[in-house]
C-alpha atoms as a PDB file:
ATOM      1  CA  MET A   1     176.712  63.000 150.625  1.00  0.00           C
ATOM      2  CA  THR A   2     174.816  65.201 148.170  1.00  0.00           C
ATOM      3  CA  THR A   3     171.570  64.166 149.805  1.00  0.00           C
ATOM      4  CA  LEU A   4     172.793  65.452 153.155  1.00  0.00           C
ATOM      5  CA  SER A   5     173.863  68.806 151.695  1.00  0.00           C
ATOM      6  CA  ASN A   6     170.554  69.079 149.794  1.00  0.00           C
ATOM      7  CA  TYR A   7     168.752  68.352 153.031  1.00  0.00           C
ATOM      8  CA  GLN A   8     170.645  71.193 154.722  1.00  0.00           C
ATOM      9  CA  PHE A   9     169.880  73.547 151.802  1.00  0.00           C
ATOM     10  CA  ALA A  10     166.203  72.654 152.040  1.00  0.00           C
ATOM     11  CA  GLU A  11     166.238  73.176 155.801  1.00  0.00           C
ATOM     12  CA  ASP A  12     167.934  76.568 155.404  1.00  0.00           C
ATOM     13  CA  LEU A  13     165.357  77.686 152.836  1.00  0.00           C
ATOM     14  CA  TYR A  14     162.543  76.398 155.035  1.00  0.00           C
ATOM     15  CA  GLN A  15     163.835  78.612 157.847  1.00  0.00           C
ATOM     16  CA  VAL A  16     163.710  81.620 155.496  1.00  0.00           C
ATOM     17  CA  PHE A  17     160.064  80.845 154.672  1.00  0.00           C
ATOM     18  CA  LYS A  18     159.336  80.279 158.354  1.00  0.00           C
ATOM     19  CA  LEU A  19     160.848  83.667 159.179  1.00  0.00           C
ATOM     20  CA  TYR A  20     158.170  85.413 157.095  1.00  0.00           C
ATOM     21  CA  GLY A  21     155.343  83.163 158.164  1.00  0.00           C
ATOM     22  CA  LEU A  22     154.083  79.878 156.790  1.00  0.00           C
ATOM     23  CA  GLU A  23     150.496  81.135 156.782  1.00  0.00           C
ATOM     24  CA  ILE A  24     150.925  84.251 154.655  1.00  0.00           C
ATOM     25  CA  ASP A  25     147.743  83.314 152.791  1.00  0.00           C
ATOM     26  CA  LYS A  26     145.702  84.010 155.934  1.00  0.00           C
ATOM     27  CA  GLN A  27     146.898  87.613 156.228  1.00  0.00           C
ATOM     28  CA  SER A  28     145.359  90.702 154.670  1.00  0.00           C
ATOM     29  CA  TYR A  29     146.395  91.552 151.124  1.00  0.00           C
ATOM     30  CA  SER A  30     148.578  94.437 152.260  1.00  0.00           C
ATOM     31  CA  GLN A  31     150.306  92.266 154.876  1.00  0.00           C
ATOM     32  CA  GLN A  32     150.775  89.489 152.319  1.00  0.00           C
ATOM     33  CA  THR A  33     152.333  91.907 149.869  1.00  0.00           C
ATOM     34  CA  ALA A  34     154.764  93.260 152.449  1.00  0.00           C
ATOM     35  CA  GLN A  35     155.763  89.793 153.640  1.00  0.00           C
ATOM     36  CA  MET A  36     156.154  88.461 150.093  1.00  0.00           C
ATOM     37  CA  LYS A  37     158.404  91.397 149.148  1.00  0.00           C
ATOM     38  CA  LYS A  38     160.648  90.698 152.135  1.00  0.00           C
ATOM     39  CA  LEU A  39     160.630  86.950 151.446  1.00  0.00           C
ATOM     40  CA  ILE A  40     161.562  87.400 147.787  1.00  0.00           C
ATOM     41  CA  GLU A  41     164.249  89.912 148.755  1.00  0.00           C
ATOM     42  CA  ASP A  42     165.710  87.413 151.208  1.00  0.00           C
ATOM     43  CA  LEU A  43     165.515  84.513 148.756  1.00  0.00           C
ATOM     44  CA  GLU A  44     167.339  86.604 146.130  1.00  0.00           C
ATOM     45  CA  LYS A  45     170.442  86.783 148.310  1.00  0.00           C
ATOM     46  CA  THR A  46     173.389  85.003 146.704  1.00  0.00           C
ATOM     47  CA  GLU A  47     173.555  82.179 149.242  1.00  0.00           C
ATOM     48  CA  ASN A  48     169.840  81.445 148.908  1.00  0.00           C
ATOM     49  CA  ILE A  49     169.940  81.562 145.093  1.00  0.00           C
ATOM     50  CA  GLN A  50     172.720  78.967 145.227  1.00  0.00           C
ATOM     51  CA  LYS A  51     170.600  76.771 147.476  1.00  0.00           C
ATOM     52  CA  LEU A  52     167.546  77.164 145.230  1.00  0.00           C
ATOM     53  CA  ASN A  53     169.694  76.284 142.232  1.00  0.00           C
ATOM     54  CA  ALA A  54     171.158  73.199 143.942  1.00  0.00           C
ATOM     55  CA  LEU A  55     167.615  72.033 144.718  1.00  0.00           C
ATOM     56  CA  SER A  56     166.437  72.833 141.155  1.00  0.00           C
ATOM     57  CA  LEU A  57     163.922  75.326 142.536  1.00  0.00           C
ATOM     58  CA  ILE A  58     164.879  78.358 140.432  1.00  0.00           C
ATOM     59  CA  PRO A  59     161.947  77.859 137.986  1.00  0.00           C
ATOM     60  CA  ALA A  60     159.495  77.601 140.899  1.00  0.00           C
ATOM     61  CA  PHE A  61     161.044  80.665 142.547  1.00  0.00           C
ATOM     62  CA  ASN A  62     160.806  82.670 139.313  1.00  0.00           C
ATOM     63  CA  GLU A  63     157.181  81.628 138.912  1.00  0.00           C
ATOM     64  CA  MET A  64     156.441  82.681 142.493  1.00  0.00           C
ATOM     65  CA  LYS A  65     158.030  86.083 141.796  1.00  0.00           C
ATOM     66  CA  SER A  66     156.070  86.591 138.590  1.00  0.00           C
ATOM     67  CA  LYS A  67     152.788  85.592 140.282  1.00  0.00           C
ATOM     68  CA  HIS A  68     153.531  88.009 143.109  1.00  0.00           C
ATOM     69  CA  ASN A  69     154.281  90.827 140.645  1.00  0.00           C
ATOM     70  CA  ALA A  70     151.008  90.137 138.816  1.00  0.00           C
ATOM     71  CA  PHE A  71     149.163  90.185 142.148  1.00  0.00           C
ATOM     72  CA  GLU A  72     150.771  93.503 143.094  1.00  0.00           C
ATOM     73  CA  LEU A  73     149.625  95.079 139.824  1.00  0.00           C
ATOM     74  CA  ILE A  74     146.052  93.883 140.317  1.00  0.00           C
ATOM     75  CA  PHE A  75     146.065  94.936 143.975  1.00  0.00           C
ATOM     76  CA  ALA A  76     147.346  98.420 143.104  1.00  0.00           C
ATOM     77  CA  GLU A  77     144.716  98.777 140.383  1.00  0.00           C
ATOM     78  CA  GLN A  78     141.960  97.747 142.799  1.00  0.00           C
ATOM     79  CA  ALA A  79     143.261 100.101 145.492  1.00  0.00           C
ATOM     80  CA  GLY A  80     143.096 102.946 142.973  1.00  0.00           C
ATOM     81  CA  ALA A  81     139.556 102.000 141.989  1.00  0.00           C
ATOM     82  CA  ASN A  82     138.520 101.869 145.652  1.00  0.00           C
ATOM     83  CA  ALA A  83     140.028 105.315 146.256  1.00  0.00           C
ATOM     84  CA  SER A  84     138.080 106.677 143.287  1.00  0.00           C
ATOM     85  CA  LEU A  85     134.861 105.191 144.635  1.00  0.00           C
ATOM     86  CA  ARG A  86     135.398 106.848 148.002  1.00  0.00           C
ATOM     87  CA  GLN A  87     135.586 110.208 146.237  1.00  0.00           C
ATOM     88  CA  MET A  88     132.141 109.737 144.670  1.00  0.00           C
ATOM     89  CA  LYS A  89     128.896 110.879 146.263  1.00  0.00           C
ATOM     90  CA  THR A  90     126.722 108.146 147.689  1.00  0.00           C
ATOM     91  CA  ALA A  91     123.499 107.197 145.952  1.00  0.00           C
ATOM     92  CA  SER A  92     121.561 108.555 148.946  1.00  0.00           C
ATOM     93  CA  ALA A  93     123.267 111.947 148.674  1.00  0.00           C
ATOM     94  CA  ILE A  94     122.611 112.098 144.941  1.00  0.00           C
ATOM     95  CA  ARG A  95     118.976 111.177 145.542  1.00  0.00           C
ATOM     96  CA  ARG A  96     118.595 113.904 148.193  1.00  0.00           C
ATOM     97  CA  ASP A  97     120.041 116.475 145.777  1.00  0.00           C
ATOM     98  CA  LEU A  98     117.730 115.297 143.005  1.00  0.00           C
ATOM     99  CA  GLU A  99     114.674 115.434 145.278  1.00  0.00           C
ATOM    100  CA  LYS A 100     115.577 118.967 146.362  1.00  0.00           C
ATOM    101  CA  ILE A 101     115.955 120.106 142.745  1.00  0.00           C
ATOM    102  CA  LEU A 102     112.705 118.418 141.697  1.00  0.00           C
ATOM    103  CA  LYS A 103     110.818 120.045 144.573  1.00  0.00           C
ATOM    104  CA  SER A 104     112.186 123.451 143.571  1.00  0.00           C
ATOM    105  CA  PHE A 105     111.156 122.813 139.964  1.00  0.00           C
ATOM    106  CA  LEU A 106     107.662 121.718 140.998  1.00  0.00           C
ATOM    107  CA  ASN A 107     107.341 124.763 143.270  1.00  0.00           C
ATOM    108  CA  LEU A 108     108.247 126.993 140.330  1.00  0.00           C
ATOM    109  CA  ILE A 109     105.634 125.337 138.116  1.00  0.00           C
ATOM    110  CA  THR A 110     103.033 125.639 140.894  1.00  0.00           C
ATOM    111  CA  ALA A 111     103.854 129.320 141.383  1.00  0.00           C
ATOM    112  CA  MET A 112     103.454 129.941 137.648  1.00  0.00           C
ATOM    113  CA  LYS A 113     100.235 127.902 137.207  1.00  0.00           C
ATOM    114  CA  ASP A 114      98.009 130.984 136.829  1.00  0.00           C
ATOM    115  CA  ILE A 115      99.982 132.290 133.841  1.00  0.00           C
ATOM    116  CA  ASP A 116      98.465 131.131 130.543  1.00  0.00           C
ATOM    117  CA  ASP A 117     101.654 129.684 129.038  1.00  0.00           C
ATOM    118  CA  TRP A 118     102.278 127.578 132.169  1.00  0.00           C
ATOM    119  CA  LYS A 119      98.761 126.189 132.701  1.00  0.00           C
ATOM    120  CA  LEU A 120      99.209 123.221 130.364  1.00  0.00           C
ATOM    121  CA  LEU A 121     102.609 122.331 131.847  1.00  0.00           C
ATOM    122  CA  TYR A 122     101.162 122.560 135.366  1.00  0.00           C
ATOM    123  CA  ALA A 123      98.214 120.311 134.429  1.00  0.00           C
ATOM    124  CA  ASP A 124     100.520 117.730 132.787  1.00  0.00           C
ATOM    125  CA  MET A 125     102.913 117.721 135.747  1.00  0.00           C
ATOM    126  CA  ASN A 126     100.023 117.450 138.188  1.00  0.00           C
ATOM    127  CA  GLU A 127      98.722 114.371 136.333  1.00  0.00           C
ATOM    128  CA  LEU A 128     102.193 112.800 136.309  1.00  0.00           C
ATOM    129  CA  ILE A 129     102.553 113.358 140.051  1.00  0.00           C
ATOM    130  CA  LYS A 130      99.139 111.811 140.734  1.00  0.00           C
ATOM    131  CA  ALA A 131     100.025 108.798 138.564  1.00  0.00           C
ATOM    132  CA  ALA A 132     103.354 108.413 140.355  1.00  0.00           C
ATOM    133  CA  LYS A 133     101.657 108.524 143.760  1.00  0.00           C
ATOM    134  CA  LEU A 134      99.099 105.910 142.668  1.00  0.00           C
ATOM    135  CA  SER A 135     101.878 103.768 141.236  1.00  0.00           C
ATOM    136  CA  LYS A 136     103.784 103.953 144.512  1.00  0.00           C
ATOM    137  CA  LYS A 137     100.664 102.972 146.485  1.00  0.00           C
ATOM    138  CA  SER A 138      99.967  99.980 144.227  1.00  0.00           C
ATOM    139  CA  THR A 139     103.541  98.647 144.541  1.00  0.00           C
ATOM    140  CA  THR A 140     103.584  98.992 148.331  1.00  0.00           C
ATOM    141  CA  PRO A 141     102.111  95.832 149.911  1.00  0.00           C
ATOM    142  CA  ASP A 142      99.335  96.119 152.467  1.00  0.00           C
ATOM    143  CA  LYS A 143     100.190  95.205 156.050  1.00  0.00           C
ATOM    144  CA  GLY A 144      98.713  91.708 155.731  1.00  0.00           C
ATOM    145  CA  GLU A 145     100.101  91.134 152.241  1.00  0.00           C
ATOM    146  CA  LYS A 146     103.603  89.849 151.530  1.00  0.00           C
ATOM    147  CA  ASN A 147     105.789  91.251 148.761  1.00  0.00           C
ATOM    148  CA  LEU A 148     107.024  88.542 146.352  1.00  0.00           C
END
């Protein structure tokens, strides 16, 4: 007779799981979290705790709850990190700003090149720019050449 009642308890609990979806793992993280919260809430009802206890599933249920709580913490941390990343400037925007500032700096040096104290700086910067341009040309493959 206990087997029959255990069978009914198992069937009742299966229906609870079925109510929240048997393929929770295929949902998005936010959907999974919402469904798991509802499932755990439902399984914590007195009648379901009694059924879990009769089937000796309390340790498994507690482990499921603790794993879900750990997941929620990690998910919340990642969501915060993602939000922080969205607040940052993109690398392209930073590069554009840097290029604009460098061009302004180089224009200033060029404008001051005829003043004695600036001549050496202008000559050094001019050499660096030439070297950079040559370096860029040598790293760019020719049309017939493939880059490794």
